[in-house]
């Protein structure tokens, strides 16, 4: 089947203290590329991710917990079920202010022309 393919999850890696990331990989056909990056991440209770920016647009779907998305222009309260849109090349990070794991699924892509 070529129009639908299974993908696999990569190894869980530590991105920063309290932050675990797991990339989605392996389309199976090395000639096929995926135009988006998909990452699942978890932020331990009361942990803070490392501030960063990147040239990709990103959407997070918060899958558990609650916290604050911090950006150069303020902070945004988030909870399980929320979708967060992050513009490219803007510094952002996440604070887990709760006593449970905050987890999210991130989809990012670079603008194509």
C-alpha atoms as a PDB file:
ATOM      1  CA  UNK A   1       0.000   0.000   0.000  1.00  0.00           C
ATOM      2  CA  UNK A   2       1.515   3.341  -1.008  1.00  0.00           C
ATOM      3  CA  UNK A   3      -1.208   5.870  -0.114  1.00  0.00           C
ATOM      4  CA  UNK A   4      -1.159   5.038   3.593  1.00  0.00           C
ATOM      5  CA  UNK A   5       1.928   4.007   5.519  1.00  0.00           C
ATOM      6  CA  UNK A   6       2.646   3.215   9.147  1.00  0.00           C
ATOM      7  CA  UNK A   7       5.176   5.345  10.970  1.00  0.00           C
ATOM      8  CA  UNK A   8       7.132   4.565  14.138  1.00  0.00           C
ATOM      9  CA  UNK A   9       8.142   6.456  17.244  1.00  0.00           C
ATOM     10  CA  UNK A  10      11.823   7.143  17.794  1.00  0.00           C
ATOM     11  CA  UNK A  11      13.668   6.805  21.069  1.00  0.00           C
ATOM     12  CA  UNK A  12      12.631   8.946  24.019  1.00  0.00           C
ATOM     13  CA  UNK A  13      15.313  11.574  24.606  1.00  0.00           C
ATOM     14  CA  UNK A  14      15.843  14.156  27.333  1.00  0.00           C
ATOM     15  CA  UNK A  15      15.523  17.619  25.781  1.00  0.00           C
ATOM     16  CA  UNK A  16      16.136  19.514  29.019  1.00  0.00           C
ATOM     17  CA  UNK A  17      15.661  18.625  32.696  1.00  0.00           C
ATOM     18  CA  UNK A  18      12.097  17.391  33.111  1.00  0.00           C
ATOM     19  CA  UNK A  19      11.360  17.458  29.370  1.00  0.00           C
ATOM     20  CA  UNK A  20      11.184  14.219  27.376  1.00  0.00           C
ATOM     21  CA  UNK A  21      10.754  14.214  23.588  1.00  0.00           C
ATOM     22  CA  UNK A  22       9.834  11.389  21.258  1.00  0.00           C
ATOM     23  CA  UNK A  23      10.063  12.000  17.492  1.00  0.00           C
ATOM     24  CA  UNK A  24       7.835  10.312  14.972  1.00  0.00           C
ATOM     25  CA  UNK A  25       9.984   8.595  12.351  1.00  0.00           C
ATOM     26  CA  UNK A  26      10.157   5.931   9.746  1.00  0.00           C
ATOM     27  CA  UNK A  27       7.758   6.346   6.874  1.00  0.00           C
ATOM     28  CA  UNK A  28       9.270   3.148   5.527  1.00  0.00           C
ATOM     29  CA  UNK A  29      10.071   4.317   2.012  1.00  0.00           C
ATOM     30  CA  UNK A  30      13.333   6.324   2.072  1.00  0.00           C
ATOM     31  CA  UNK A  31      12.217   8.177  -1.077  1.00  0.00           C
ATOM     32  CA  UNK A  32       9.131   9.539   0.697  1.00  0.00           C
ATOM     33  CA  UNK A  33       9.568  12.628   2.827  1.00  0.00           C
ATOM     34  CA  UNK A  34       7.195  14.007   5.416  1.00  0.00           C
ATOM     35  CA  UNK A  35       6.535  17.780   5.167  1.00  0.00           C
ATOM     36  CA  UNK A  36       5.918  18.094   8.912  1.00  0.00           C
ATOM     37  CA  UNK A  37       7.733  17.189  12.097  1.00  0.00           C
ATOM     38  CA  UNK A  38       5.713  15.464  14.794  1.00  0.00           C
ATOM     39  CA  UNK A  39       6.972  15.355  18.380  1.00  0.00           C
ATOM     40  CA  UNK A  40       5.346  14.136  21.555  1.00  0.00           C
ATOM     41  CA  UNK A  41       6.718  15.696  24.723  1.00  0.00           C
ATOM     42  CA  UNK A  42       6.184  15.517  28.469  1.00  0.00           C
ATOM     43  CA  UNK A  43       7.049  18.107  31.067  1.00  0.00           C
ATOM     44  CA  UNK A  44       7.395  16.888  34.660  1.00  0.00           C
ATOM     45  CA  UNK A  45       5.448  18.621  37.446  1.00  0.00           C
ATOM     46  CA  UNK A  46       6.802  22.117  38.178  1.00  0.00           C
ATOM     47  CA  UNK A  47       9.435  21.797  35.391  1.00  0.00           C
ATOM     48  CA  UNK A  48      10.228  24.490  32.812  1.00  0.00           C
ATOM     49  CA  UNK A  49      11.336  23.784  29.240  1.00  0.00           C
ATOM     50  CA  UNK A  50      14.323  25.565  27.719  1.00  0.00           C
ATOM     51  CA  UNK A  51      13.454  28.839  25.929  1.00  0.00           C
ATOM     52  CA  UNK A  52      14.065  28.433  22.203  1.00  0.00           C
ATOM     53  CA  UNK A  53      12.999  29.562  18.747  1.00  0.00           C
ATOM     54  CA  UNK A  54      13.074  27.921  15.319  1.00  0.00           C
ATOM     55  CA  UNK A  55      12.115  28.766  11.737  1.00  0.00           C
ATOM     56  CA  UNK A  56       9.124  26.410  11.829  1.00  0.00           C
ATOM     57  CA  UNK A  57       5.497  27.217  12.570  1.00  0.00           C
ATOM     58  CA  UNK A  58       4.224  24.949  15.328  1.00  0.00           C
ATOM     59  CA  UNK A  59       0.936  23.756  16.803  1.00  0.00           C
ATOM     60  CA  UNK A  60       0.767  22.056  20.181  1.00  0.00           C
ATOM     61  CA  UNK A  61      -2.181  19.959  21.317  1.00  0.00           C
ATOM     62  CA  UNK A  62      -2.051  19.772  25.097  1.00  0.00           C
ATOM     63  CA  UNK A  63      -2.960  16.171  25.941  1.00  0.00           C
ATOM     64  CA  UNK A  64      -2.703  16.255  29.747  1.00  0.00           C
ATOM     65  CA  UNK A  65      -2.023  18.649  32.587  1.00  0.00           C
ATOM     66  CA  UNK A  66      -1.940  22.431  32.626  1.00  0.00           C
ATOM     67  CA  UNK A  67       0.621  25.229  32.603  1.00  0.00           C
ATOM     68  CA  UNK A  68       1.746  28.408  30.885  1.00  0.00           C
ATOM     69  CA  UNK A  69       3.182  29.002  27.422  1.00  0.00           C
ATOM     70  CA  UNK A  70       5.712  31.807  27.742  1.00  0.00           C
ATOM     71  CA  UNK A  71       6.610  34.043  24.775  1.00  0.00           C
ATOM     72  CA  UNK A  72       8.318  37.385  24.238  1.00  0.00           C
ATOM     73  CA  UNK A  73       4.943  39.131  24.398  1.00  0.00           C
ATOM     74  CA  UNK A  74       3.445  37.459  27.467  1.00  0.00           C
ATOM     75  CA  UNK A  75       2.074  34.219  28.798  1.00  0.00           C
ATOM     76  CA  UNK A  76      -0.865  32.016  27.871  1.00  0.00           C
ATOM     77  CA  UNK A  77      -2.582  29.610  30.279  1.00  0.00           C
ATOM     78  CA  UNK A  78      -3.109  26.152  28.745  1.00  0.00           C
ATOM     79  CA  UNK A  79      -4.811  22.946  29.829  1.00  0.00           C
ATOM     80  CA  UNK A  80      -5.575  19.508  28.462  1.00  0.00           C
ATOM     81  CA  UNK A  81      -7.507  19.770  25.191  1.00  0.00           C
ATOM     82  CA  UNK A  82      -6.138  23.189  24.198  1.00  0.00           C
ATOM     83  CA  UNK A  83      -4.476  23.900  20.843  1.00  0.00           C
ATOM     84  CA  UNK A  84      -1.636  26.431  20.790  1.00  0.00           C
ATOM     85  CA  UNK A  85      -0.375  28.149  17.619  1.00  0.00           C
ATOM     86  CA  UNK A  86       3.275  29.308  17.753  1.00  0.00           C
ATOM     87  CA  UNK A  87       4.691  31.622  15.107  1.00  0.00           C
ATOM     88  CA  UNK A  88       8.136  30.904  13.618  1.00  0.00           C
ATOM     89  CA  UNK A  89      11.304  32.617  14.864  1.00  0.00           C
ATOM     90  CA  UNK A  90       9.714  33.683  18.172  1.00  0.00           C
ATOM     91  CA  UNK A  91      11.178  32.573  21.503  1.00  0.00           C
ATOM     92  CA  UNK A  92       8.845  30.337  23.500  1.00  0.00           C
ATOM     93  CA  UNK A  93       8.876  27.824  26.327  1.00  0.00           C
ATOM     94  CA  UNK A  94       6.466  25.968  28.582  1.00  0.00           C
ATOM     95  CA  UNK A  95       6.070  25.960  32.356  1.00  0.00           C
ATOM     96  CA  UNK A  96       4.263  23.128  34.135  1.00  0.00           C
ATOM     97  CA  UNK A  97       2.719  24.767  37.180  1.00  0.00           C
ATOM     98  CA  UNK A  98       0.773  21.693  38.249  1.00  0.00           C
ATOM     99  CA  UNK A  99       1.453  18.512  40.180  1.00  0.00           C
ATOM    100  CA  UNK A 100       0.803  16.203  37.199  1.00  0.00           C
ATOM    101  CA  UNK A 101       2.753  15.645  33.990  1.00  0.00           C
ATOM    102  CA  UNK A 102       1.954  18.159  31.243  1.00  0.00           C
ATOM    103  CA  UNK A 103       2.096  16.407  27.877  1.00  0.00           C
ATOM    104  CA  UNK A 104       1.585  17.643  24.344  1.00  0.00           C
ATOM    105  CA  UNK A 105       1.781  16.640  20.727  1.00  0.00           C
ATOM    106  CA  UNK A 106       3.676  19.115  18.518  1.00  0.00           C
ATOM    107  CA  UNK A 107       3.300  19.418  14.760  1.00  0.00           C
ATOM    108  CA  UNK A 108       5.673  21.826  13.018  1.00  0.00           C
ATOM    109  CA  UNK A 109       6.444  22.765   9.448  1.00  0.00           C
ATOM    110  CA  UNK A 110       8.476  25.250   7.485  1.00  0.00           C
ATOM    111  CA  UNK A 111       6.751  27.480   4.986  1.00  0.00           C
ATOM    112  CA  UNK A 112       7.049  26.137   1.473  1.00  0.00           C
ATOM    113  CA  UNK A 113       7.041  28.221  -1.671  1.00  0.00           C
END
